[in-house]
Amino acid sequence: MKSLQDSLYNWLTIKIVSDNRPDDTAAAETEKMFFDILGDEHQVSDIEVENDEVMYYVHYTKEGERNKTRFPRELIEVMLDQIQTEPEKYVNYPND
């Protein structure tokens, strides 16, 4: 089992990709998988994300308590940056 911090990081990283590529079905499916892990394995709910020029802040509820963690933008956006730099390597194949 991964730590809650790792699961939040993985979910947020792919969520940013999915939000910026709404037609990317693989990103959407992966985001849902990580979101489900947060609920099923870590009992996290009520997830909210905010950001500023330096950080992403993830607010969530676990065991009845409201919690907050943060991640540097450069770490969260690395996958999106890579996709935008080399889009030919990340073609979105439509479902048939």
PDB file of N, CA and C in Angstrom:
ATOM      1  N   MET A   1       0.845  -1.181   0.000  1.00  0.00           N
ATOM      2  CA  MET A   1       0.000   0.000   0.000  1.00  0.00           C
ATOM      3  C   MET A   1       0.889   1.242   0.000  1.00  0.00           C
ATOM      4  N   LYS A   2       0.568   2.160  -0.876  1.00  0.00           N
ATOM      5  CA  LYS A   2       1.300   3.420  -0.921  1.00  0.00           C
ATOM      6  C   LYS A   2       0.819   4.331   0.194  1.00  0.00           C
ATOM      7  N   SER A   3       1.650   5.290   0.515  1.00  0.00           N
ATOM      8  CA  SER A   3       1.261   6.246   1.544  1.00  0.00           C
ATOM      9  C   SER A   3       0.175   7.176   1.001  1.00  0.00           C
ATOM     10  N   LEU A   4      -0.532   7.801   1.898  1.00  0.00           N
ATOM     11  CA  LEU A   4      -1.539   8.776   1.515  1.00  0.00           C
ATOM     12  C   LEU A   4      -0.893   9.905   0.714  1.00  0.00           C
ATOM     13  N   GLN A   5       0.262  10.363   1.142  1.00  0.00           N
ATOM     14  CA  GLN A   5       0.966  11.441   0.436  1.00  0.00           C
ATOM     15  C   GLN A   5       1.268  11.038  -1.008  1.00  0.00           C
ATOM     16  N   ASP A   6       1.759   9.815  -1.221  1.00  0.00           N
ATOM     17  CA  ASP A   6       2.042   9.339  -2.577  1.00  0.00           C
ATOM     18  C   ASP A   6       0.769   9.254  -3.406  1.00  0.00           C
ATOM     19  N   SER A   7      -0.299   8.775  -2.802  1.00  0.00           N
ATOM     20  CA  SER A   7      -1.565   8.640  -3.522  1.00  0.00           C
ATOM     21  C   SER A   7      -2.133  10.002  -3.902  1.00  0.00           C
ATOM     22  N   LEU A   8      -2.041  10.969  -3.012  1.00  0.00           N
ATOM     23  CA  LEU A   8      -2.494  12.324  -3.329  1.00  0.00           C
ATOM     24  C   LEU A   8      -1.659  12.920  -4.463  1.00  0.00           C
ATOM     25  N   TYR A   9      -0.356  12.718  -4.396  1.00  0.00           N
ATOM     26  CA  TYR A   9       0.541  13.212  -5.449  1.00  0.00           C
ATOM     27  C   TYR A   9       0.181  12.599  -6.801  1.00  0.00           C
ATOM     28  N   ASN A  10       0.034  11.268  -6.844  1.00  0.00           N
ATOM     29  CA  ASN A  10      -0.293  10.592  -8.102  1.00  0.00           C
ATOM     30  C   ASN A  10      -1.631  11.081  -8.654  1.00  0.00           C
ATOM     31  N   TRP A  11      -2.623  11.174  -7.789  1.00  0.00           N
ATOM     32  CA  TRP A  11      -3.941  11.631  -8.222  1.00  0.00           C
ATOM     33  C   TRP A  11      -3.877  13.059  -8.761  1.00  0.00           C
ATOM     34  N   LEU A  12      -3.239  13.953  -8.029  1.00  0.00           N
ATOM     35  CA  LEU A  12      -3.202  15.356  -8.435  1.00  0.00           C
ATOM     36  C   LEU A  12      -2.435  15.536  -9.741  1.00  0.00           C
ATOM     37  N   THR A  13      -1.338  14.816  -9.906  1.00  0.00           N
ATOM     38  CA  THR A  13      -0.548  14.925 -11.132  1.00  0.00           C
ATOM     39  C   THR A  13      -1.379  14.558 -12.352  1.00  0.00           C
ATOM     40  N   ILE A  14      -2.092  13.444 -12.301  1.00  0.00           N
ATOM     41  CA  ILE A  14      -2.888  13.029 -13.455  1.00  0.00           C
ATOM     42  C   ILE A  14      -4.162  13.859 -13.565  1.00  0.00           C
ATOM     43  N   LYS A  15      -4.679  14.372 -12.457  1.00  0.00           N
ATOM     44  CA  LYS A  15      -5.858  15.251 -12.519  1.00  0.00           C
ATOM     45  C   LYS A  15      -5.531  16.515 -13.305  1.00  0.00           C
ATOM     46  N   ILE A  16      -4.360  17.075 -13.097  1.00  0.00           N
ATOM     47  CA  ILE A  16      -3.953  18.276 -13.815  1.00  0.00           C
ATOM     48  C   ILE A  16      -3.854  17.978 -15.309  1.00  0.00           C
ATOM     49  N   VAL A  17      -3.316  16.816 -15.657  1.00  0.00           N
ATOM     50  CA  VAL A  17      -3.258  16.417 -17.065  1.00  0.00           C
ATOM     51  C   VAL A  17      -4.667  16.268 -17.619  1.00  0.00           C
ATOM     52  N   SER A  18      -5.509  15.537 -16.914  1.00  0.00           N
ATOM     53  CA  SER A  18      -6.876  15.290 -17.357  1.00  0.00           C
ATOM     54  C   SER A  18      -7.667  16.594 -17.501  1.00  0.00           C
ATOM     55  N   ASP A  19      -7.513  17.502 -16.571  1.00  0.00           N
ATOM     56  CA  ASP A  19      -8.217  18.788 -16.642  1.00  0.00           C
ATOM     57  C   ASP A  19      -7.792  19.605 -17.860  1.00  0.00           C
ATOM     58  N   ASN A  20      -6.523  19.480 -18.231  1.00  0.00           N
ATOM     59  CA  ASN A  20      -5.993  20.238 -19.364  1.00  0.00           C
ATOM     60  C   ASN A  20      -6.159  19.528 -20.703  1.00  0.00           C
ATOM     61  N   ARG A  21      -6.521  18.249 -20.649  1.00  0.00           N
ATOM     62  CA  ARG A  21      -6.734  17.457 -21.867  1.00  0.00           C
ATOM     63  C   ARG A  21      -8.070  16.713 -21.733  1.00  0.00           C
ATOM     64  N   PRO A  22      -9.167  17.433 -21.827  1.00  0.00           N
ATOM     65  CA  PRO A  22     -10.477  16.827 -21.565  1.00  0.00           C
ATOM     66  C   PRO A  22     -10.841  15.674 -22.498  1.00  0.00           C
ATOM     67  N   ASP A  23     -10.211  15.577 -23.658  1.00  0.00           N
ATOM     68  CA  ASP A  23     -10.486  14.465 -24.575  1.00  0.00           C
ATOM     69  C   ASP A  23      -9.559  13.278 -24.361  1.00  0.00           C
ATOM     70  N   ASP A  24      -8.659  13.366 -23.415  1.00  0.00           N
ATOM     71  CA  ASP A  24      -7.697  12.298 -23.144  1.00  0.00           C
ATOM     72  C   ASP A  24      -8.353  11.250 -22.252  1.00  0.00           C
ATOM     73  N   THR A  25      -8.869  10.206 -22.876  1.00  0.00           N
ATOM     74  CA  THR A  25      -9.603   9.175 -22.132  1.00  0.00           C
ATOM     75  C   THR A  25      -8.691   8.407 -21.176  1.00  0.00           C
ATOM     76  N   ALA A  26      -7.445   8.177 -21.579  1.00  0.00           N
ATOM     77  CA  ALA A  26      -6.519   7.458 -20.696  1.00  0.00           C
ATOM     78  C   ALA A  26      -6.249   8.260 -19.427  1.00  0.00           C
ATOM     79  N   ALA A  27      -6.069   9.570 -19.574  1.00  0.00           N
ATOM     80  CA  ALA A  27      -5.838  10.416 -18.403  1.00  0.00           C
ATOM     81  C   ALA A  27      -7.064  10.416 -17.496  1.00  0.00           C
ATOM     82  N   ALA A  28      -8.251  10.502 -18.085  1.00  0.00           N
ATOM     83  CA  ALA A  28      -9.485  10.503 -17.286  1.00  0.00           C
ATOM     84  C   ALA A  28      -9.654   9.183 -16.529  1.00  0.00           C
ATOM     85  N   GLU A  29      -9.387   8.071 -17.191  1.00  0.00           N
ATOM     86  CA  GLU A  29      -9.504   6.763 -16.535  1.00  0.00           C
ATOM     87  C   GLU A  29      -8.473   6.605 -15.421  1.00  0.00           C
ATOM     88  N   THR A  30      -7.270   7.087 -15.661  1.00  0.00           N
ATOM     89  CA  THR A  30      -6.211   6.991 -14.646  1.00  0.00           C
ATOM     90  C   THR A  30      -6.529   7.883 -13.455  1.00  0.00           C
ATOM     91  N   GLU A  31      -7.046   9.080 -13.718  1.00  0.00           N
ATOM     92  CA  GLU A  31      -7.433   9.977 -12.625  1.00  0.00           C
ATOM     93  C   GLU A  31      -8.514   9.328 -11.765  1.00  0.00           C
ATOM     94  N   LYS A  32      -9.485   8.694 -12.390  1.00  0.00           N
ATOM     95  CA  LYS A  32     -10.543   8.025 -11.637  1.00  0.00           C
ATOM     96  C   LYS A  32      -9.976   6.880 -10.804  1.00  0.00           C
ATOM     97  N   MET A  33      -9.038   6.124 -11.356  1.00  0.00           N
ATOM     98  CA  MET A  33      -8.421   5.026 -10.609  1.00  0.00           C
ATOM     99  C   MET A  33      -7.738   5.551  -9.342  1.00  0.00           C
ATOM    100  N   PHE A  34      -6.944   6.614  -9.487  1.00  0.00           N
ATOM    101  CA  PHE A  34      -6.260   7.170  -8.312  1.00  0.00           C
ATOM    102  C   PHE A  34      -7.245   7.808  -7.330  1.00  0.00           C
ATOM    103  N   PHE A  35      -8.291   8.430  -7.843  1.00  0.00           N
ATOM    104  CA  PHE A  35      -9.322   8.986  -6.969  1.00  0.00           C
ATOM    105  C   PHE A  35      -9.985   7.876  -6.155  1.00  0.00           C
ATOM    106  N   ASP A  36     -10.277   6.756  -6.805  1.00  0.00           N
ATOM    107  CA  ASP A  36     -10.870   5.616  -6.102  1.00  0.00           C
ATOM    108  C   ASP A  36      -9.928   5.053  -5.035  1.00  0.00           C
ATOM    109  N   ILE A  37      -8.645   5.035  -5.321  1.00  0.00           N
ATOM    110  CA  ILE A  37      -7.660   4.576  -4.322  1.00  0.00           C
ATOM    111  C   ILE A  37      -7.710   5.481  -3.088  1.00  0.00           C
ATOM    112  N   LEU A  38      -7.830   6.779  -3.304  1.00  0.00           N
ATOM    113  CA  LEU A  38      -7.905   7.703  -2.166  1.00  0.00           C
ATOM    114  C   LEU A  38      -9.096   7.372  -1.274  1.00  0.00           C
ATOM    115  N   GLY A  39     -10.222   7.070  -1.873  1.00  0.00           N
ATOM    116  CA  GLY A  39     -11.407   6.736  -1.083  1.00  0.00           C
ATOM    117  C   GLY A  39     -11.351   5.338  -0.499  1.00  0.00           C
ATOM    118  N   ASP A  40     -11.005   4.353  -1.320  1.00  0.00           N
ATOM    119  CA  ASP A  40     -11.059   2.954  -0.902  1.00  0.00           C
ATOM    120  C   ASP A  40      -9.944   2.569   0.065  1.00  0.00           C
ATOM    121  N   GLU A  41      -8.723   2.974  -0.232  1.00  0.00           N
ATOM    122  CA  GLU A  41      -7.583   2.554   0.588  1.00  0.00           C
ATOM    123  C   GLU A  41      -7.250   3.527   1.716  1.00  0.00           C
ATOM    124  N   HIS A  42      -7.571   4.800   1.507  1.00  0.00           N
ATOM    125  CA  HIS A  42      -7.176   5.812   2.489  1.00  0.00           C
ATOM    126  C   HIS A  42      -8.356   6.487   3.172  1.00  0.00           C
ATOM    127  N   GLN A  43      -9.575   6.127   2.794  1.00  0.00           N
ATOM    128  CA  GLN A  43     -10.798   6.694   3.382  1.00  0.00           C
ATOM    129  C   GLN A  43     -10.793   8.227   3.369  1.00  0.00           C
ATOM    130  N   VAL A  44     -10.388   8.775   2.234  1.00  0.00           N
ATOM    131  CA  VAL A  44     -10.348  10.221   2.047  1.00  0.00           C
ATOM    132  C   VAL A  44     -11.594  10.645   1.279  1.00  0.00           C
ATOM    133  N   SER A  45     -12.182  11.764   1.676  1.00  0.00           N
ATOM    134  CA  SER A  45     -13.358  12.295   0.977  1.00  0.00           C
ATOM    135  C   SER A  45     -13.270  13.814   0.932  1.00  0.00           C
ATOM    136  N   ASP A  46     -14.251  14.414   0.271  1.00  0.00           N
ATOM    137  CA  ASP A  46     -14.370  15.880   0.204  1.00  0.00           C
ATOM    138  C   ASP A  46     -13.068  16.550  -0.230  1.00  0.00           C
ATOM    139  N   ILE A  47     -12.498  16.070  -1.328  1.00  0.00           N
ATOM    140  CA  ILE A  47     -11.217  16.592  -1.801  1.00  0.00           C
ATOM    141  C   ILE A  47     -11.438  17.887  -2.569  1.00  0.00           C
ATOM    142  N   GLU A  48     -10.661  18.888  -2.222  1.00  0.00           N
ATOM    143  CA  GLU A  48     -10.677  20.172  -2.912  1.00  0.00           C
ATOM    144  C   GLU A  48      -9.239  20.585  -3.200  1.00  0.00           C
ATOM    145  N   VAL A  49      -9.046  21.215  -4.360  1.00  0.00           N
ATOM    146  CA  VAL A  49      -7.706  21.640  -4.769  1.00  0.00           C
ATOM    147  C   VAL A  49      -7.726  23.137  -5.040  1.00  0.00           C
ATOM    148  N   GLU A  50      -6.712  23.803  -4.559  1.00  0.00           N
ATOM    149  CA  GLU A  50      -6.487  25.204  -4.903  1.00  0.00           C
ATOM    150  C   GLU A  50      -5.009  25.366  -5.196  1.00  0.00           C
ATOM    151  N   ASN A  51      -4.659  26.441  -5.870  1.00  0.00           N
ATOM    152  CA  ASN A  51      -3.254  26.653  -6.169  1.00  0.00           C
ATOM    153  C   ASN A  51      -2.942  28.137  -6.201  1.00  0.00           C
ATOM    154  N   ASP A  52      -1.657  28.401  -6.132  1.00  0.00           N
ATOM    155  CA  ASP A  52      -1.153  29.749  -6.331  1.00  0.00           C
ATOM    156  C   ASP A  52       0.032  29.627  -7.287  1.00  0.00           C
ATOM    157  N   GLU A  53       0.824  30.649  -7.400  1.00  0.00           N
ATOM    158  CA  GLU A  53       1.921  30.608  -8.365  1.00  0.00           C
ATOM    159  C   GLU A  53       3.029  29.626  -7.989  1.00  0.00           C
ATOM    160  N   VAL A  54       3.050  29.127  -6.767  1.00  0.00           N
ATOM    161  CA  VAL A  54       4.132  28.254  -6.309  1.00  0.00           C
ATOM    162  C   VAL A  54       3.658  26.848  -5.933  1.00  0.00           C
ATOM    163  N   MET A  55       2.481  26.729  -5.354  1.00  0.00           N
ATOM    164  CA  MET A  55       2.023  25.461  -4.771  1.00  0.00           C
ATOM    165  C   MET A  55       0.615  25.077  -5.207  1.00  0.00           C
ATOM    166  N   TYR A  56       0.369  23.768  -5.109  1.00  0.00           N
ATOM    167  CA  TYR A  56      -0.992  23.216  -5.119  1.00  0.00           C
ATOM    168  C   TYR A  56      -1.303  22.829  -3.683  1.00  0.00           C
ATOM    169  N   TYR A  57      -2.514  23.098  -3.244  1.00  0.00           N
ATOM    170  CA  TYR A  57      -2.971  22.753  -1.901  1.00  0.00           C
ATOM    171  C   TYR A  57      -4.149  21.803  -2.042  1.00  0.00           C
ATOM    172  N   VAL A  58      -4.052  20.673  -1.381  1.00  0.00           N
ATOM    173  CA  VAL A  58      -5.120  19.676  -1.425  1.00  0.00           C
ATOM    174  C   VAL A  58      -5.740  19.607  -0.041  1.00  0.00           C
ATOM    175  N   HIS A  59      -7.027  19.900   0.028  1.00  0.00           N
ATOM    176  CA  HIS A  59      -7.793  19.822   1.269  1.00  0.00           C
ATOM    177  C   HIS A  59      -8.641  18.559   1.185  1.00  0.00           C
ATOM    178  N   TYR A  60      -8.724  17.826   2.275  1.00  0.00           N
ATOM    179  CA  TYR A  60      -9.492  16.586   2.273  1.00  0.00           C
ATOM    180  C   TYR A  60      -9.927  16.237   3.688  1.00  0.00           C
ATOM    181  N   THR A  61     -10.914  15.347   3.755  1.00  0.00           N
ATOM    182  CA  THR A  61     -11.401  14.857   5.039  1.00  0.00           C
ATOM    183  C   THR A  61     -10.985  13.406   5.200  1.00  0.00           C
ATOM    184  N   LYS A  62     -10.439  13.086   6.370  1.00  0.00           N
ATOM    185  CA  LYS A  62     -10.056  11.717   6.720  1.00  0.00           C
ATOM    186  C   LYS A  62     -10.381  11.517   8.192  1.00  0.00           C
ATOM    187  N   GLU A  63     -11.129  10.454   8.461  1.00  0.00           N
ATOM    188  CA  GLU A  63     -11.521  10.120   9.832  1.00  0.00           C
ATOM    189  C   GLU A  63     -12.192  11.311  10.517  1.00  0.00           C
ATOM    190  N   GLY A  64     -13.031  12.018   9.768  1.00  0.00           N
ATOM    191  CA  GLY A  64     -13.794  13.118  10.327  1.00  0.00           C
ATOM    192  C   GLY A  64     -13.029  14.410  10.514  1.00  0.00           C
ATOM    193  N   GLU A  65     -11.752  14.424  10.171  1.00  0.00           N
ATOM    194  CA  GLU A  65     -10.936  15.627  10.334  1.00  0.00           C
ATOM    195  C   GLU A  65     -10.569  16.215   8.987  1.00  0.00           C
ATOM    196  N   ARG A  66     -10.575  17.522   8.909  1.00  0.00           N
ATOM    197  CA  ARG A  66     -10.173  18.228   7.701  1.00  0.00           C
ATOM    198  C   ARG A  66      -8.661  18.376   7.710  1.00  0.00           C
ATOM    199  N   ASN A  67      -8.022  18.008   6.603  1.00  0.00           N
ATOM    200  CA  ASN A  67      -6.568  18.050   6.483  1.00  0.00           C
ATOM    201  C   ASN A  67      -6.175  18.824   5.237  1.00  0.00           C
ATOM    202  N   LYS A  68      -4.917  19.203   5.194  1.00  0.00           N
ATOM    203  CA  LYS A  68      -4.395  19.945   4.051  1.00  0.00           C
ATOM    204  C   LYS A  68      -2.960  19.511   3.822  1.00  0.00           C
ATOM    205  N   THR A  69      -2.615  19.318   2.562  1.00  0.00           N
ATOM    206  CA  THR A  69      -1.228  19.066   2.192  1.00  0.00           C
ATOM    207  C   THR A  69      -0.905  19.922   0.990  1.00  0.00           C
ATOM    208  N   ARG A  70       0.363  20.070   0.692  1.00  0.00           N
ATOM    209  CA  ARG A  70       0.738  20.930  -0.424  1.00  0.00           C
ATOM    210  C   ARG A  70       1.852  20.276  -1.233  1.00  0.00           C
ATOM    211  N   PHE A  71       1.893  20.650  -2.507  1.00  0.00           N
ATOM    212  CA  PHE A  71       2.894  20.141  -3.434  1.00  0.00           C
ATOM    213  C   PHE A  71       3.382  21.292  -4.299  1.00  0.00           C
ATOM    214  N   PRO A  72       4.686  21.352  -4.570  1.00  0.00           N
ATOM    215  CA  PRO A  72       5.193  22.383  -5.480  1.00  0.00           C
ATOM    216  C   PRO A  72       4.622  22.193  -6.888  1.00  0.00           C
ATOM    217  N   ARG A  73       4.259  23.283  -7.517  1.00  0.00           N
ATOM    218  CA  ARG A  73       3.696  23.225  -8.877  1.00  0.00           C
ATOM    219  C   ARG A  73       4.621  22.493  -9.828  1.00  0.00           C
ATOM    220  N   GLU A  74       5.925  22.740  -9.739  1.00  0.00           N
ATOM    221  CA  GLU A  74       6.851  22.125 -10.690  1.00  0.00           C
ATOM    222  C   GLU A  74       6.822  20.603 -10.604  1.00  0.00           C
ATOM    223  N   LEU A  75       6.578  20.046  -9.417  1.00  0.00           N
ATOM    224  CA  LEU A  75       6.469  18.587  -9.295  1.00  0.00           C
ATOM    225  C   LEU A  75       5.157  18.070  -9.867  1.00  0.00           C
ATOM    226  N   ILE A  76       4.086  18.780  -9.623  1.00  0.00           N
ATOM    227  CA  ILE A  76       2.760  18.344 -10.076  1.00  0.00           C
ATOM    228  C   ILE A  76       2.612  18.517 -11.579  1.00  0.00           C
ATOM    229  N   GLU A  77       3.175  19.542 -12.133  1.00  0.00           N
ATOM    230  CA  GLU A  77       2.967  19.846 -13.550  1.00  0.00           C
ATOM    231  C   GLU A  77       4.009  19.228 -14.473  1.00  0.00           C
ATOM    232  N   VAL A  78       4.929  18.427 -13.947  1.00  0.00           N
ATOM    233  CA  VAL A  78       5.992  17.861 -14.777  1.00  0.00           C
ATOM    234  C   VAL A  78       5.431  16.988 -15.903  1.00  0.00           C
ATOM    235  N   MET A  79       4.417  16.182 -15.624  1.00  0.00           N
ATOM    236  CA  MET A  79       3.850  15.332 -16.659  1.00  0.00           C
ATOM    237  C   MET A  79       3.144  16.170 -17.729  1.00  0.00           C
ATOM    238  N   LEU A  80       2.369  17.145 -17.303  1.00  0.00           N
ATOM    239  CA  LEU A  80       1.686  18.021 -18.254  1.00  0.00           C
ATOM    240  C   LEU A  80       2.706  18.768 -19.105  1.00  0.00           C
ATOM    241  N   ASP A  81       3.755  19.276 -18.491  1.00  0.00           N
ATOM    242  CA  ASP A  81       4.795  19.986 -19.234  1.00  0.00           C
ATOM    243  C   ASP A  81       5.434  19.080 -20.288  1.00  0.00           C
ATOM    244  N   GLN A  82       5.686  17.839 -19.922  1.00  0.00           N
ATOM    245  CA  GLN A  82       6.290  16.893 -20.858  1.00  0.00           C
ATOM    246  C   GLN A  82       5.351  16.635 -22.038  1.00  0.00           C
ATOM    247  N   ILE A  83       4.074  16.459 -21.770  1.00  0.00           N
ATOM    248  CA  ILE A  83       3.085  16.232 -22.822  1.00  0.00           C
ATOM    249  C   ILE A  83       2.999  17.439 -23.745  1.00  0.00           C
ATOM    250  N   GLN A  84       3.019  18.613 -23.180  1.00  0.00           N
ATOM    251  CA  GLN A  84       2.922  19.823 -23.996  1.00  0.00           C
ATOM    252  C   GLN A  84       4.192  20.071 -24.805  1.00  0.00           C
ATOM    253  N   THR A  85       5.330  19.641 -24.284  1.00  0.00           N
ATOM    254  CA  THR A  85       6.596  19.813 -24.993  1.00  0.00           C
ATOM    255  C   THR A  85       6.717  18.846 -26.168  1.00  0.00           C
ATOM    256  N   GLU A  86       6.229  17.618 -25.975  1.00  0.00           N
ATOM    257  CA  GLU A  86       6.325  16.592 -27.013  1.00  0.00           C
ATOM    258  C   GLU A  86       4.964  15.940 -27.269  1.00  0.00           C
ATOM    259  N   PRO A  87       4.002  16.697 -27.794  1.00  0.00           N
ATOM    260  CA  PRO A  87       2.649  16.165 -27.951  1.00  0.00           C
ATOM    261  C   PRO A  87       2.567  14.958 -28.882  1.00  0.00           C
ATOM    262  N   GLU A  88       3.491  14.853 -29.813  1.00  0.00           N
ATOM    263  CA  GLU A  88       3.466  13.716 -30.734  1.00  0.00           C
ATOM    264  C   GLU A  88       3.686  12.374 -30.026  1.00  0.00           C
ATOM    265  N   LYS A  89       4.265  12.402 -28.858  1.00  0.00           N
ATOM    266  CA  LYS A  89       4.484  11.176 -28.084  1.00  0.00           C
ATOM    267  C   LYS A  89       3.276  10.796 -27.239  1.00  0.00           C
ATOM    268  N   TYR A  90       2.284  11.679 -27.149  1.00  0.00           N
ATOM    269  CA  TYR A  90       1.128  11.462 -26.271  1.00  0.00           C
ATOM    270  C   TYR A  90      -0.181  11.637 -27.032  1.00  0.00           C
ATOM    271  N   VAL A  91      -0.291  10.904 -28.114  1.00  0.00           N
ATOM    272  CA  VAL A  91      -1.486  10.963 -28.951  1.00  0.00           C
ATOM    273  C   VAL A  91      -2.649  10.336 -28.196  1.00  0.00           C
ATOM    274  N   ASN A  92      -3.800  10.970 -28.264  1.00  0.00           N
ATOM    275  CA  ASN A  92      -5.002  10.435 -27.626  1.00  0.00           C
ATOM    276  C   ASN A  92      -5.748   9.596 -28.656  1.00  0.00           C
ATOM    277  N   TYR A  93      -5.836   8.307 -28.395  1.00  0.00           N
ATOM    278  CA  TYR A  93      -6.533   7.416 -29.304  1.00  0.00           C
ATOM    279  C   TYR A  93      -7.989   7.309 -28.876  1.00  0.00           C
ATOM    280  N   PRO A  94      -8.916   7.591 -29.791  1.00  0.00           N
ATOM    281  CA  PRO A  94     -10.329   7.546 -29.428  1.00  0.00           C
ATOM    282  C   PRO A  94     -10.796   6.112 -29.166  1.00  0.00           C
ATOM    283  N   ASN A  95     -11.815   6.007 -28.337  1.00  0.00           N
ATOM    284  CA  ASN A  95     -12.423   4.700 -28.105  1.00  0.00           C
ATOM    285  C   ASN A  95     -13.259   4.336 -29.318  1.00  0.00           C
ATOM    286  N   ASP A  96     -13.200   3.084 -29.707  1.00  0.00           N
ATOM    287  CA  ASP A  96     -14.027   2.618 -30.841  1.00  0.00           C
ATOM    288  C   ASP A  96     -15.288   1.978 -30.376  1.00  0.00           C
TER     289      ASP A  96
END
